[in-house]
Amino acid sequence: MARVRIYDLLPERVLVTRESARSIQPALAAAFAAGDGEVILDFTDVAGVTPSFVDEILAVLEECIGSGPQSRLSIVFLNPPTRLSAKFEAVDRAHALRIVEDRGGAWVVTRQYTPAVG
């Protein structure tokens, strides 16, 4: 599993913009390739993130992993700067993903598929 220390790529205490999330796309793509689809995003030293930043990070991650159900997905937001809240949960649903907070406070991202009706 590859590990990306977000503060090393974006040395800011609060991550606000979509552009900042988009700027680290090459590093995230390289981490996914090296980790075979398994990545830890370490938010140590980051004091805050906005829903816009998280939304764009999820979009970048989707681009890295592809959209098929066979695409491997294992993403952990380690040391997130805030507890998981309804506003972040709303962002994940827009990407057909699910974020849950584990006992240690990390956010674990999984796919959220609905069966085809037909």
PDB file of N, CA and C in Angstrom:
ATOM      1  N   MET A   1       0.862  -1.178   0.000  1.00  0.00           N
ATOM      2  CA  MET A   1       0.000   0.000   0.000  1.00  0.00           C
ATOM      3  C   MET A   1       0.905   1.237   0.000  1.00  0.00           C
ATOM      4  N   ALA A   2       0.684   2.125  -0.951  1.00  0.00           N
ATOM      5  CA  ALA A   2       1.467   3.356  -1.054  1.00  0.00           C
ATOM      6  C   ALA A   2       0.925   4.398  -0.073  1.00  0.00           C
ATOM      7  N   ARG A   3       1.813   5.228   0.416  1.00  0.00           N
ATOM      8  CA  ARG A   3       1.419   6.280   1.373  1.00  0.00           C
ATOM      9  C   ARG A   3       1.827   7.633   0.813  1.00  0.00           C
ATOM     10  N   VAL A   4       0.883   8.577   0.848  1.00  0.00           N
ATOM     11  CA  VAL A   4       1.126   9.936   0.362  1.00  0.00           C
ATOM     12  C   VAL A   4       0.906  10.887   1.529  1.00  0.00           C
ATOM     13  N   ARG A   5       1.938  11.626   1.879  1.00  0.00           N
ATOM     14  CA  ARG A   5       1.822  12.618   2.948  1.00  0.00           C
ATOM     15  C   ARG A   5       1.387  13.936   2.303  1.00  0.00           C
ATOM     16  N   ILE A   6       0.133  14.283   2.502  1.00  0.00           N
ATOM     17  CA  ILE A   6      -0.481  15.430   1.825  1.00  0.00           C
ATOM     18  C   ILE A   6       0.255  16.738   2.126  1.00  0.00           C
ATOM     19  N   TYR A   7       0.653  16.947   3.375  1.00  0.00           N
ATOM     20  CA  TYR A   7       1.323  18.205   3.738  1.00  0.00           C
ATOM     21  C   TYR A   7       2.651  18.371   2.988  1.00  0.00           C
ATOM     22  N   ASP A   8       3.320  17.271   2.655  1.00  0.00           N
ATOM     23  CA  ASP A   8       4.566  17.374   1.890  1.00  0.00           C
ATOM     24  C   ASP A   8       4.299  17.894   0.473  1.00  0.00           C
ATOM     25  N   LEU A   9       3.120  17.594  -0.057  1.00  0.00           N
ATOM     26  CA  LEU A   9       2.761  18.054  -1.406  1.00  0.00           C
ATOM     27  C   LEU A   9       2.102  19.428  -1.397  1.00  0.00           C
ATOM     28  N   LEU A  10       1.327  19.693  -0.350  1.00  0.00           N
ATOM     29  CA  LEU A  10       0.607  20.965  -0.190  1.00  0.00           C
ATOM     30  C   LEU A  10       0.899  21.503   1.207  1.00  0.00           C
ATOM     31  N   PRO A  11       2.008  22.196   1.381  1.00  0.00           N
ATOM     32  CA  PRO A  11       2.396  22.646   2.723  1.00  0.00           C
ATOM     33  C   PRO A  11       1.558  23.831   3.223  1.00  0.00           C
ATOM     34  N   GLU A  12       0.281  23.570   3.383  1.00  0.00           N
ATOM     35  CA  GLU A  12      -0.660  24.570   3.895  1.00  0.00           C
ATOM     36  C   GLU A  12      -1.424  23.923   5.036  1.00  0.00           C
ATOM     37  N   ARG A  13      -1.773  24.690   6.029  1.00  0.00           N
ATOM     38  CA  ARG A  13      -2.481  24.148   7.190  1.00  0.00           C
ATOM     39  C   ARG A  13      -3.947  23.854   6.879  1.00  0.00           C
ATOM     40  N   VAL A  14      -4.552  24.647   6.000  1.00  0.00           N
ATOM     41  CA  VAL A  14      -5.951  24.430   5.639  1.00  0.00           C
ATOM     42  C   VAL A  14      -6.033  24.282   4.121  1.00  0.00           C
ATOM     43  N   LEU A  15      -6.646  23.190   3.682  1.00  0.00           N
ATOM     44  CA  LEU A  15      -6.767  22.906   2.253  1.00  0.00           C
ATOM     45  C   LEU A  15      -8.188  23.226   1.828  1.00  0.00           C
ATOM     46  N   VAL A  16      -8.309  24.210   0.952  1.00  0.00           N
ATOM     47  CA  VAL A  16      -9.601  24.796   0.642  1.00  0.00           C
ATOM     48  C   VAL A  16     -10.049  24.551  -0.792  1.00  0.00           C
ATOM     49  N   THR A  17      -9.166  24.718  -1.742  1.00  0.00           N
ATOM     50  CA  THR A  17      -9.606  24.822  -3.135  1.00  0.00           C
ATOM     51  C   THR A  17      -9.529  23.513  -3.916  1.00  0.00           C
ATOM     52  N   ARG A  18     -10.366  23.459  -4.929  1.00  0.00           N
ATOM     53  CA  ARG A  18     -10.330  22.345  -5.869  1.00  0.00           C
ATOM     54  C   ARG A  18      -8.996  22.336  -6.615  1.00  0.00           C
ATOM     55  N   GLU A  19      -8.486  23.517  -6.917  1.00  0.00           N
ATOM     56  CA  GLU A  19      -7.227  23.630  -7.650  1.00  0.00           C
ATOM     57  C   GLU A  19      -6.072  23.008  -6.872  1.00  0.00           C
ATOM     58  N   SER A  20      -6.060  23.179  -5.559  1.00  0.00           N
ATOM     59  CA  SER A  20      -4.979  22.585  -4.771  1.00  0.00           C
ATOM     60  C   SER A  20      -5.068  21.064  -4.812  1.00  0.00           C
ATOM     61  N   ALA A  21      -6.270  20.518  -4.739  1.00  0.00           N
ATOM     62  CA  ALA A  21      -6.441  19.068  -4.837  1.00  0.00           C
ATOM     63  C   ALA A  21      -6.008  18.577  -6.221  1.00  0.00           C
ATOM     64  N   ARG A  22      -6.376  19.294  -7.244  1.00  0.00           N
ATOM     65  CA  ARG A  22      -6.037  18.918  -8.616  1.00  0.00           C
ATOM     66  C   ARG A  22      -4.526  18.970  -8.832  1.00  0.00           C
ATOM     67  N   SER A  23      -3.838  19.881  -8.149  1.00  0.00           N
ATOM     68  CA  SER A  23      -2.392  20.042  -8.350  1.00  0.00           C
ATOM     69  C   SER A  23      -1.581  18.822  -7.917  1.00  0.00           C
ATOM     70  N   ILE A  24      -2.133  17.978  -7.067  1.00  0.00           N
ATOM     71  CA  ILE A  24      -1.385  16.804  -6.622  1.00  0.00           C
ATOM     72  C   ILE A  24      -1.789  15.530  -7.370  1.00  0.00           C
ATOM     73  N   GLN A  25      -2.547  15.691  -8.434  1.00  0.00           N
ATOM     74  CA  GLN A  25      -2.976  14.538  -9.216  1.00  0.00           C
ATOM     75  C   GLN A  25      -1.809  13.665  -9.675  1.00  0.00           C
ATOM     76  N   PRO A  26      -0.708  14.225 -10.197  1.00  0.00           N
ATOM     77  CA  PRO A  26       0.388  13.351 -10.629  1.00  0.00           C
ATOM     78  C   PRO A  26       0.951  12.485  -9.490  1.00  0.00           C
ATOM     79  N   ALA A  27       1.065  13.047  -8.307  1.00  0.00           N
ATOM     80  CA  ALA A  27       1.575  12.281  -7.162  1.00  0.00           C
ATOM     81  C   ALA A  27       0.597  11.185  -6.761  1.00  0.00           C
ATOM     82  N   LEU A  28      -0.703  11.481  -6.808  1.00  0.00           N
ATOM     83  CA  LEU A  28      -1.703  10.474  -6.470  1.00  0.00           C
ATOM     84  C   LEU A  28      -1.722   9.352  -7.505  1.00  0.00           C
ATOM     85  N   ALA A  29      -1.620   9.704  -8.782  1.00  0.00           N
ATOM     86  CA  ALA A  29      -1.600   8.688  -9.837  1.00  0.00           C
ATOM     87  C   ALA A  29      -0.385   7.777  -9.674  1.00  0.00           C
ATOM     88  N   ALA A  30       0.766   8.358  -9.357  1.00  0.00           N
ATOM     89  CA  ALA A  30       1.979   7.560  -9.151  1.00  0.00           C
ATOM     90  C   ALA A  30       1.825   6.645  -7.933  1.00  0.00           C
ATOM     91  N   ALA A  31       1.210   7.151  -6.879  1.00  0.00           N
ATOM     92  CA  ALA A  31       0.999   6.342  -5.678  1.00  0.00           C
ATOM     93  C   ALA A  31       0.064   5.170  -5.968  1.00  0.00           C
ATOM     94  N   PHE A  32      -0.999   5.417  -6.740  1.00  0.00           N
ATOM     95  CA  PHE A  32      -1.913   4.331  -7.085  1.00  0.00           C
ATOM     96  C   PHE A  32      -1.209   3.273  -7.921  1.00  0.00           C
ATOM     97  N   ALA A  33      -0.374   3.703  -8.845  1.00  0.00           N
ATOM     98  CA  ALA A  33       0.358   2.740  -9.661  1.00  0.00           C
ATOM     99  C   ALA A  33       1.325   1.925  -8.801  1.00  0.00           C
ATOM    100  N   ALA A  34       2.031   2.593  -7.898  1.00  0.00           N
ATOM    101  CA  ALA A  34       2.999   1.910  -7.036  1.00  0.00           C
ATOM    102  C   ALA A  34       2.322   1.021  -6.000  1.00  0.00           C
ATOM    103  N   GLY A  35       1.152   1.424  -5.547  1.00  0.00           N
ATOM    104  CA  GLY A  35       0.455   0.675  -4.505  1.00  0.00           C
ATOM    105  C   GLY A  35      -0.581  -0.285  -5.044  1.00  0.00           C
ATOM    106  N   ASP A  36      -0.620  -0.472  -6.362  1.00  0.00           N
ATOM    107  CA  ASP A  36      -1.577  -1.371  -6.997  1.00  0.00           C
ATOM    108  C   ASP A  36      -3.012  -1.055  -6.582  1.00  0.00           C
ATOM    109  N   GLY A  37      -3.334   0.240  -6.549  1.00  0.00           N
ATOM    110  CA  GLY A  37      -4.703   0.651  -6.233  1.00  0.00           C
ATOM    111  C   GLY A  37      -4.992   0.836  -4.760  1.00  0.00           C
ATOM    112  N   GLU A  38      -3.987   0.661  -3.918  1.00  0.00           N
ATOM    113  CA  GLU A  38      -4.169   0.843  -2.478  1.00  0.00           C
ATOM    114  C   GLU A  38      -3.322   2.027  -2.026  1.00  0.00           C
ATOM    115  N   VAL A  39      -3.985   3.028  -1.437  1.00  0.00           N
ATOM    116  CA  VAL A  39      -3.274   4.248  -1.058  1.00  0.00           C
ATOM    117  C   VAL A  39      -3.738   4.745   0.297  1.00  0.00           C
ATOM    118  N   ILE A  40      -2.780   5.214   1.076  1.00  0.00           N
ATOM    119  CA  ILE A  40      -3.062   5.928   2.321  1.00  0.00           C
ATOM    120  C   ILE A  40      -2.734   7.393   2.072  1.00  0.00           C
ATOM    121  N   LEU A  41      -3.715   8.266   2.284  1.00  0.00           N
ATOM    122  CA  LEU A  41      -3.493   9.711   2.213  1.00  0.00           C
ATOM    123  C   LEU A  41      -3.331  10.187   3.644  1.00  0.00           C
ATOM    124  N   ASP A  42      -2.123  10.575   4.003  1.00  0.00           N
ATOM    125  CA  ASP A  42      -1.811  10.962   5.378  1.00  0.00           C
ATOM    126  C   ASP A  42      -1.939  12.477   5.515  1.00  0.00           C
ATOM    127  N   PHE A  43      -2.887  12.912   6.351  1.00  0.00           N
ATOM    128  CA  PHE A  43      -3.161  14.334   6.541  1.00  0.00           C
ATOM    129  C   PHE A  43      -2.478  14.913   7.784  1.00  0.00           C
ATOM    130  N   THR A  44      -1.452  14.257   8.291  1.00  0.00           N
ATOM    131  CA  THR A  44      -0.696  14.783   9.424  1.00  0.00           C
ATOM    132  C   THR A  44      -0.231  16.204   9.111  1.00  0.00           C
ATOM    133  N   ASP A  45      -0.369  17.108  10.049  1.00  0.00           N
ATOM    134  CA  ASP A  45       0.017  18.523   9.970  1.00  0.00           C
ATOM    135  C   ASP A  45      -0.966  19.387   9.189  1.00  0.00           C
ATOM    136  N   VAL A  46      -2.045  18.805   8.669  1.00  0.00           N
ATOM    137  CA  VAL A  46      -3.094  19.582   8.024  1.00  0.00           C
ATOM    138  C   VAL A  46      -4.163  19.855   9.074  1.00  0.00           C
ATOM    139  N   ALA A  47      -4.553  21.116   9.241  1.00  0.00           N
ATOM    140  CA  ALA A  47      -5.500  21.503  10.287  1.00  0.00           C
ATOM    141  C   ALA A  47      -6.951  21.508   9.826  1.00  0.00           C
ATOM    142  N   GLY A  48      -7.179  21.575   8.513  1.00  0.00           N
ATOM    143  CA  GLY A  48      -8.552  21.618   8.033  1.00  0.00           C
ATOM    144  C   GLY A  48      -8.648  21.347   6.546  1.00  0.00           C
ATOM    145  N   VAL A  49      -9.795  20.796   6.147  1.00  0.00           N
ATOM    146  CA  VAL A  49     -10.109  20.600   4.732  1.00  0.00           C
ATOM    147  C   VAL A  49     -11.559  21.012   4.518  1.00  0.00           C
ATOM    148  N   THR A  50     -11.845  21.487   3.329  1.00  0.00           N
ATOM    149  CA  THR A  50     -13.214  21.864   2.997  1.00  0.00           C
ATOM    150  C   THR A  50     -13.869  20.758   2.175  1.00  0.00           C
ATOM    151  N   PRO A  51     -15.202  20.750   2.123  1.00  0.00           N
ATOM    152  CA  PRO A  51     -15.869  19.786   1.250  1.00  0.00           C
ATOM    153  C   PRO A  51     -15.437  19.913  -0.215  1.00  0.00           C
ATOM    154  N   SER A  52     -15.146  21.126  -0.671  1.00  0.00           N
ATOM    155  CA  SER A  52     -14.695  21.312  -2.056  1.00  0.00           C
ATOM    156  C   SER A  52     -13.373  20.593  -2.303  1.00  0.00           C
ATOM    157  N   PHE A  53     -12.456  20.701  -1.362  1.00  0.00           N
ATOM    158  CA  PHE A  53     -11.171  20.022  -1.496  1.00  0.00           C
ATOM    159  C   PHE A  53     -11.372  18.510  -1.527  1.00  0.00           C
ATOM    160  N   VAL A  54     -12.168  17.991  -0.604  1.00  0.00           N
ATOM    161  CA  VAL A  54     -12.422  16.548  -0.544  1.00  0.00           C
ATOM    162  C   VAL A  54     -13.136  16.076  -1.800  1.00  0.00           C
ATOM    163  N   ASP A  55     -14.102  16.846  -2.288  1.00  0.00           N
ATOM    164  CA  ASP A  55     -14.811  16.500  -3.515  1.00  0.00           C
ATOM    165  C   ASP A  55     -13.832  16.355  -4.676  1.00  0.00           C
ATOM    166  N   GLU A  56     -12.909  17.281  -4.799  1.00  0.00           N
ATOM    167  CA  GLU A  56     -11.954  17.226  -5.910  1.00  0.00           C
ATOM    168  C   GLU A  56     -10.951  16.093  -5.720  1.00  0.00           C
ATOM    169  N   ILE A  57     -10.528  15.837  -4.494  1.00  0.00           N
ATOM    170  CA  ILE A  57      -9.633  14.695  -4.237  1.00  0.00           C
ATOM    171  C   ILE A  57     -10.318  13.402  -4.672  1.00  0.00           C
ATOM    172  N   LEU A  58     -11.607  13.257  -4.342  1.00  0.00           N
ATOM    173  CA  LEU A  58     -12.333  12.059  -4.743  1.00  0.00           C
ATOM    174  C   LEU A  58     -12.439  11.961  -6.263  1.00  0.00           C
ATOM    175  N   ALA A  59     -12.632  13.089  -6.938  1.00  0.00           N
ATOM    176  CA  ALA A  59     -12.670  13.091  -8.405  1.00  0.00           C
ATOM    177  C   ALA A  59     -11.327  12.657  -8.986  1.00  0.00           C
ATOM    178  N   VAL A  60     -10.246  13.170  -8.422  1.00  0.00           N
ATOM    179  CA  VAL A  60      -8.900  12.790  -8.864  1.00  0.00           C
ATOM    180  C   VAL A  60      -8.675  11.299  -8.641  1.00  0.00           C
ATOM    181  N   LEU A  61      -9.083  10.804  -7.484  1.00  0.00           N
ATOM    182  CA  LEU A  61      -8.896   9.383  -7.179  1.00  0.00           C
ATOM    183  C   LEU A  61      -9.697   8.509  -8.129  1.00  0.00           C
ATOM    184  N   GLU A  62     -10.912   8.941  -8.459  1.00  0.00           N
ATOM    185  CA  GLU A  62     -11.721   8.194  -9.431  1.00  0.00           C
ATOM    186  C   GLU A  62     -11.008   8.098 -10.774  1.00  0.00           C
ATOM    187  N   GLU A  63     -10.401   9.184 -11.189  1.00  0.00           N
ATOM    188  CA  GLU A  63      -9.657   9.184 -12.446  1.00  0.00           C
ATOM    189  C   GLU A  63      -8.470   8.228 -12.380  1.00  0.00           C
ATOM    190  N   CYS A  64      -7.851   8.132 -11.218  1.00  0.00           N
ATOM    191  CA  CYS A  64      -6.690   7.248 -11.052  1.00  0.00           C
ATOM    192  C   CYS A  64      -7.073   5.780 -11.080  1.00  0.00           C
ATOM    193  N   ILE A  65      -8.225   5.438 -10.523  1.00  0.00           N
ATOM    194  CA  ILE A  65      -8.578   4.025 -10.365  1.00  0.00           C
ATOM    195  C   ILE A  65      -9.504   3.497 -11.439  1.00  0.00           C
ATOM    196  N   GLY A  66     -10.137   4.366 -12.195  1.00  0.00           N
ATOM    197  CA  GLY A  66     -11.106   3.899 -13.181  1.00  0.00           C
ATOM    198  C   GLY A  66     -12.463   3.711 -12.536  1.00  0.00           C
ATOM    199  N   SER A  67     -13.440   3.385 -13.338  1.00  0.00           N
ATOM    200  CA  SER A  67     -14.802   3.349 -12.824  1.00  0.00           C
ATOM    201  C   SER A  67     -15.421   1.965 -12.766  1.00  0.00           C
ATOM    202  N   GLY A  68     -14.756   0.964 -13.284  1.00  0.00           N
ATOM    203  CA  GLY A  68     -15.348  -0.370 -13.301  1.00  0.00           C
ATOM    204  C   GLY A  68     -15.339  -1.028 -11.937  1.00  0.00           C
ATOM    205  N   PRO A  69     -16.270  -1.941 -11.700  1.00  0.00           N
ATOM    206  CA  PRO A  69     -16.327  -2.623 -10.412  1.00  0.00           C
ATOM    207  C   PRO A  69     -15.097  -3.485 -10.158  1.00  0.00           C
ATOM    208  N   GLN A  70     -14.394  -3.876 -11.228  1.00  0.00           N
ATOM    209  CA  GLN A  70     -13.201  -4.682 -11.061  1.00  0.00           C
ATOM    210  C   GLN A  70     -11.994  -3.841 -10.654  1.00  0.00           C
ATOM    211  N   SER A  71     -12.073  -2.546 -10.780  1.00  0.00           N
ATOM    212  CA  SER A  71     -10.965  -1.671 -10.413  1.00  0.00           C
ATOM    213  C   SER A  71     -10.746  -1.722  -8.916  1.00  0.00           C
ATOM    214  N   ARG A  72      -9.527  -1.992  -8.530  1.00  0.00           N
ATOM    215  CA  ARG A  72      -9.199  -2.130  -7.113  1.00  0.00           C
ATOM    216  C   ARG A  72      -9.307  -0.777  -6.425  1.00  0.00           C
ATOM    217  N   LEU A  73      -9.866  -0.784  -5.240  1.00  0.00           N
ATOM    218  CA  LEU A  73     -10.035   0.459  -4.500  1.00  0.00           C
ATOM    219  C   LEU A  73      -9.773   0.218  -3.027  1.00  0.00           C
ATOM    220  N   SER A  74      -8.752   0.858  -2.524  1.00  0.00           N
ATOM    221  CA  SER A  74      -8.478   0.854  -1.096  1.00  0.00           C
ATOM    222  C   SER A  74      -7.837   2.196  -0.764  1.00  0.00           C
ATOM    223  N   ILE A  75      -8.642   3.083  -0.215  1.00  0.00           N
ATOM    224  CA  ILE A  75      -8.172   4.435   0.109  1.00  0.00           C
ATOM    225  C   ILE A  75      -8.461   4.712   1.571  1.00  0.00           C
ATOM    226  N   VAL A  76      -7.447   5.199   2.272  1.00  0.00           N
ATOM    227  CA  VAL A  76      -7.609   5.579   3.672  1.00  0.00           C
ATOM    228  C   VAL A  76      -7.126   7.015   3.831  1.00  0.00           C
ATOM    229  N   PHE A  77      -7.978   7.858   4.419  1.00  0.00           N
ATOM    230  CA  PHE A  77      -7.573   9.210   4.810  1.00  0.00           C
ATOM    231  C   PHE A  77      -7.086   9.085   6.250  1.00  0.00           C
ATOM    232  N   LEU A  78      -5.788   9.008   6.442  1.00  0.00           N
ATOM    233  CA  LEU A  78      -5.201   8.853   7.761  1.00  0.00           C
ATOM    234  C   LEU A  78      -5.009  10.223   8.417  1.00  0.00           C
ATOM    235  N   ASN A  79      -5.303  10.317   9.680  1.00  0.00           N
ATOM    236  CA  ASN A  79      -5.174  11.575  10.430  1.00  0.00           C
ATOM    237  C   ASN A  79      -5.946  12.721   9.796  1.00  0.00           C
ATOM    238  N   PRO A  80      -7.213  12.493   9.415  1.00  0.00           N
ATOM    239  CA  PRO A  80      -7.971  13.608   8.839  1.00  0.00           C
ATOM    240  C   PRO A  80      -8.104  14.721   9.870  1.00  0.00           C
ATOM    241  N   PRO A  81      -8.119  15.970   9.421  1.00  0.00           N
ATOM    242  CA  PRO A  81      -8.110  17.099  10.357  1.00  0.00           C
ATOM    243  C   PRO A  81      -9.445  17.350  11.053  1.00  0.00           C
ATOM    244  N   THR A  82     -10.451  16.595  10.710  1.00  0.00           N
ATOM    245  CA  THR A  82     -11.764  16.789  11.313  1.00  0.00           C
ATOM    246  C   THR A  82     -12.473  15.448  11.388  1.00  0.00           C
ATOM    247  N   ARG A  83     -13.495  15.381  12.176  1.00  0.00           N
ATOM    248  CA  ARG A  83     -14.338  14.186  12.215  1.00  0.00           C
ATOM    249  C   ARG A  83     -15.175  14.161  10.937  1.00  0.00           C
ATOM    250  N   LEU A  84     -15.557  12.978  10.551  1.00  0.00           N
ATOM    251  CA  LEU A  84     -16.418  12.828   9.389  1.00  0.00           C
ATOM    252  C   LEU A  84     -17.789  13.408   9.721  1.00  0.00           C
ATOM    253  N   SER A  85     -18.311  14.251   8.840  1.00  0.00           N
ATOM    254  CA  SER A  85     -19.601  14.887   9.087  1.00  0.00           C
ATOM    255  C   SER A  85     -20.520  14.671   7.895  1.00  0.00           C
ATOM    256  N   ALA A  86     -21.764  15.076   8.057  1.00  0.00           N
ATOM    257  CA  ALA A  86     -22.766  14.909   6.998  1.00  0.00           C
ATOM    258  C   ALA A  86     -22.358  15.606   5.711  1.00  0.00           C
ATOM    259  N   LYS A  87     -21.666  16.736   5.806  1.00  0.00           N
ATOM    260  CA  LYS A  87     -21.284  17.438   4.575  1.00  0.00           C
ATOM    261  C   LYS A  87     -20.261  16.641   3.766  1.00  0.00           C
ATOM    262  N   PHE A  88     -19.351  15.930   4.433  1.00  0.00           N
ATOM    263  CA  PHE A  88     -18.402  15.090   3.712  1.00  0.00           C
ATOM    264  C   PHE A  88     -19.076  13.819   3.195  1.00  0.00           C
ATOM    265  N   GLU A  89     -20.025  13.301   3.951  1.00  0.00           N
ATOM    266  CA  GLU A  89     -20.774  12.126   3.504  1.00  0.00           C
ATOM    267  C   GLU A  89     -21.610  12.450   2.265  1.00  0.00           C
ATOM    268  N   ALA A  90     -22.102  13.674   2.154  1.00  0.00           N
ATOM    269  CA  ALA A  90     -22.847  14.086   0.958  1.00  0.00           C
ATOM    270  C   ALA A  90     -21.922  14.136  -0.254  1.00  0.00           C
ATOM    271  N   VAL A  91     -20.700  14.554  -0.048  1.00  0.00           N
ATOM    272  CA  VAL A  91     -19.723  14.622  -1.136  1.00  0.00           C
ATOM    273  C   VAL A  91     -19.428  13.218  -1.656  1.00  0.00           C
ATOM    274  N   ASP A  92     -19.270  12.251  -0.773  1.00  0.00           N
ATOM    275  CA  ASP A  92     -18.926  10.907  -1.233  1.00  0.00           C
ATOM    276  C   ASP A  92     -20.034  10.285  -2.075  1.00  0.00           C
ATOM    277  N   ARG A  93     -21.274  10.541  -1.713  1.00  0.00           N
ATOM    278  CA  ARG A  93     -22.391   9.975  -2.472  1.00  0.00           C
ATOM    279  C   ARG A  93     -22.406  10.463  -3.913  1.00  0.00           C
ATOM    280  N   ALA A  94     -21.954  11.680  -4.161  1.00  0.00           N
ATOM    281  CA  ALA A  94     -21.907  12.219  -5.518  1.00  0.00           C
ATOM    282  C   ALA A  94     -20.928  11.436  -6.392  1.00  0.00           C
ATOM    283  N   HIS A  95     -20.030  10.705  -5.758  1.00  0.00           N
ATOM    284  CA  HIS A  95     -19.024   9.926  -6.487  1.00  0.00           C
ATOM    285  C   HIS A  95     -19.297   8.428  -6.421  1.00  0.00           C
ATOM    286  N   ALA A  96     -20.464   8.035  -5.928  1.00  0.00           N
ATOM    287  CA  ALA A  96     -20.800   6.614  -5.739  1.00  0.00           C
ATOM    288  C   ALA A  96     -19.756   5.930  -4.865  1.00  0.00           C
ATOM    289  N   LEU A  97     -19.267   6.675  -3.890  1.00  0.00           N
ATOM    290  CA  LEU A  97     -18.314   6.158  -2.916  1.00  0.00           C
ATOM    291  C   LEU A  97     -18.934   6.258  -1.529  1.00  0.00           C
ATOM    292  N   ARG A  98     -18.336   5.581  -0.602  1.00  0.00           N
ATOM    293  CA  ARG A  98     -18.796   5.658   0.781  1.00  0.00           C
ATOM    294  C   ARG A  98     -17.580   5.898   1.658  1.00  0.00           C
ATOM    295  N   ILE A  99     -17.672   6.895   2.516  1.00  0.00           N
ATOM    296  CA  ILE A  99     -16.607   7.164   3.474  1.00  0.00           C
ATOM    297  C   ILE A  99     -17.158   6.848   4.859  1.00  0.00           C
ATOM    298  N   VAL A 100     -16.442   6.025   5.586  1.00  0.00           N
ATOM    299  CA  VAL A 100     -16.804   5.740   6.976  1.00  0.00           C
ATOM    300  C   VAL A 100     -15.593   6.035   7.849  1.00  0.00           C
ATOM    301  N   GLU A 101     -15.877   6.404   9.069  1.00  0.00           N
ATOM    302  CA  GLU A 101     -14.809   6.695  10.015  1.00  0.00           C
ATOM    303  C   GLU A 101     -14.571   5.457  10.864  1.00  0.00           C
ATOM    304  N   ASP A 102     -13.327   4.975  10.889  1.00  0.00           N
ATOM    305  CA  ASP A 102     -13.043   3.798  11.704  1.00  0.00           C
ATOM    306  C   ASP A 102     -12.807   4.196  13.162  1.00  0.00           C
ATOM    307  N   ARG A 103     -12.593   3.244  14.011  1.00  0.00           N
ATOM    308  CA  ARG A 103     -12.435   3.520  15.452  1.00  0.00           C
ATOM    309  C   ARG A 103     -11.276   4.454  15.756  1.00  0.00           C
ATOM    310  N   GLY A 104     -10.246   4.412  14.934  1.00  0.00           N
ATOM    311  CA  GLY A 104      -9.089   5.276  15.145  1.00  0.00           C
ATOM    312  C   GLY A 104      -9.252   6.670  14.572  1.00  0.00           C
ATOM    313  N   GLY A 105     -10.377   6.933  13.908  1.00  0.00           N
ATOM    314  CA  GLY A 105     -10.628   8.252  13.340  1.00  0.00           C
ATOM    315  C   GLY A 105     -10.270   8.389  11.877  1.00  0.00           C
ATOM    316  N   ALA A 106      -9.651   7.358  11.282  1.00  0.00           N
ATOM    317  CA  ALA A 106      -9.320   7.415   9.854  1.00  0.00           C
ATOM    318  C   ALA A 106     -10.598   7.293   9.033  1.00  0.00           C
ATOM    319  N   TRP A 107     -10.579   7.889   7.844  1.00  0.00           N
ATOM    320  CA  TRP A 107     -11.707   7.763   6.920  1.00  0.00           C
ATOM    321  C   TRP A 107     -11.351   6.664   5.924  1.00  0.00           C
ATOM    322  N   VAL A 108     -12.224   5.705   5.774  1.00  0.00           N
ATOM    323  CA  VAL A 108     -12.009   4.599   4.852  1.00  0.00           C
ATOM    324  C   VAL A 108     -12.993   4.756   3.691  1.00  0.00           C
ATOM    325  N   VAL A 109     -12.459   4.798   2.475  1.00  0.00           N
ATOM    326  CA  VAL A 109     -13.268   5.034   1.280  1.00  0.00           C
ATOM    327  C   VAL A 109     -13.479   3.708   0.548  1.00  0.00           C
ATOM    328  N   THR A 110     -14.739   3.420   0.254  1.00  0.00           N
ATOM    329  CA  THR A 110     -15.085   2.215  -0.499  1.00  0.00           C
ATOM    330  C   THR A 110     -16.065   2.586  -1.605  1.00  0.00           C
ATOM    331  N   ARG A 111     -16.217   1.689  -2.552  1.00  0.00           N
ATOM    332  CA  ARG A 111     -17.195   1.899  -3.621  1.00  0.00           C
ATOM    333  C   ARG A 111     -18.592   1.645  -3.075  1.00  0.00           C
ATOM    334  N   GLN A 112     -19.551   2.326  -3.657  1.00  0.00           N
ATOM    335  CA  GLN A 112     -20.957   2.148  -3.280  1.00  0.00           C
ATOM    336  C   GLN A 112     -21.730   1.849  -4.557  1.00  0.00           C
ATOM    337  N   TYR A 113     -21.927   0.589  -4.839  1.00  0.00           N
ATOM    338  CA  TYR A 113     -22.623   0.194  -6.058  1.00  0.00           C
ATOM    339  C   TYR A 113     -24.068  -0.130  -5.755  1.00  0.00           C
ATOM    340  N   THR A 114     -24.909   0.205  -6.697  1.00  0.00           N
ATOM    341  CA  THR A 114     -26.309  -0.214  -6.622  1.00  0.00           C
ATOM    342  C   THR A 114     -26.530  -1.216  -7.743  1.00  0.00           C
ATOM    343  N   PRO A 115     -27.201  -2.311  -7.477  1.00  0.00           N
ATOM    344  CA  PRO A 115     -27.408  -3.308  -8.518  1.00  0.00           C
ATOM    345  C   PRO A 115     -28.241  -2.761  -9.673  1.00  0.00           C
ATOM    346  N   ALA A 116     -27.914  -3.210 -10.858  1.00  0.00           N
ATOM    347  CA  ALA A 116     -28.676  -2.778 -12.037  1.00  0.00           C
ATOM    348  C   ALA A 116     -30.080  -3.372 -11.986  1.00  0.00           C
ATOM    349  N   VAL A 117     -31.036  -2.558 -12.347  1.00  0.00           N
ATOM    350  CA  VAL A 117     -32.408  -3.012 -12.370  1.00  0.00           C
ATOM    351  C   VAL A 117     -32.789  -3.229 -13.827  1.00  0.00           C
ATOM    352  N   GLY A 118     -33.377  -4.361 -14.118  1.00  0.00           N
ATOM    353  CA  GLY A 118     -33.728  -4.533 -15.504  1.00  0.00           C
ATOM    354  C   GLY A 118     -34.303  -5.802 -15.843  1.00  0.00           C
TER     355      GLY A 118
END
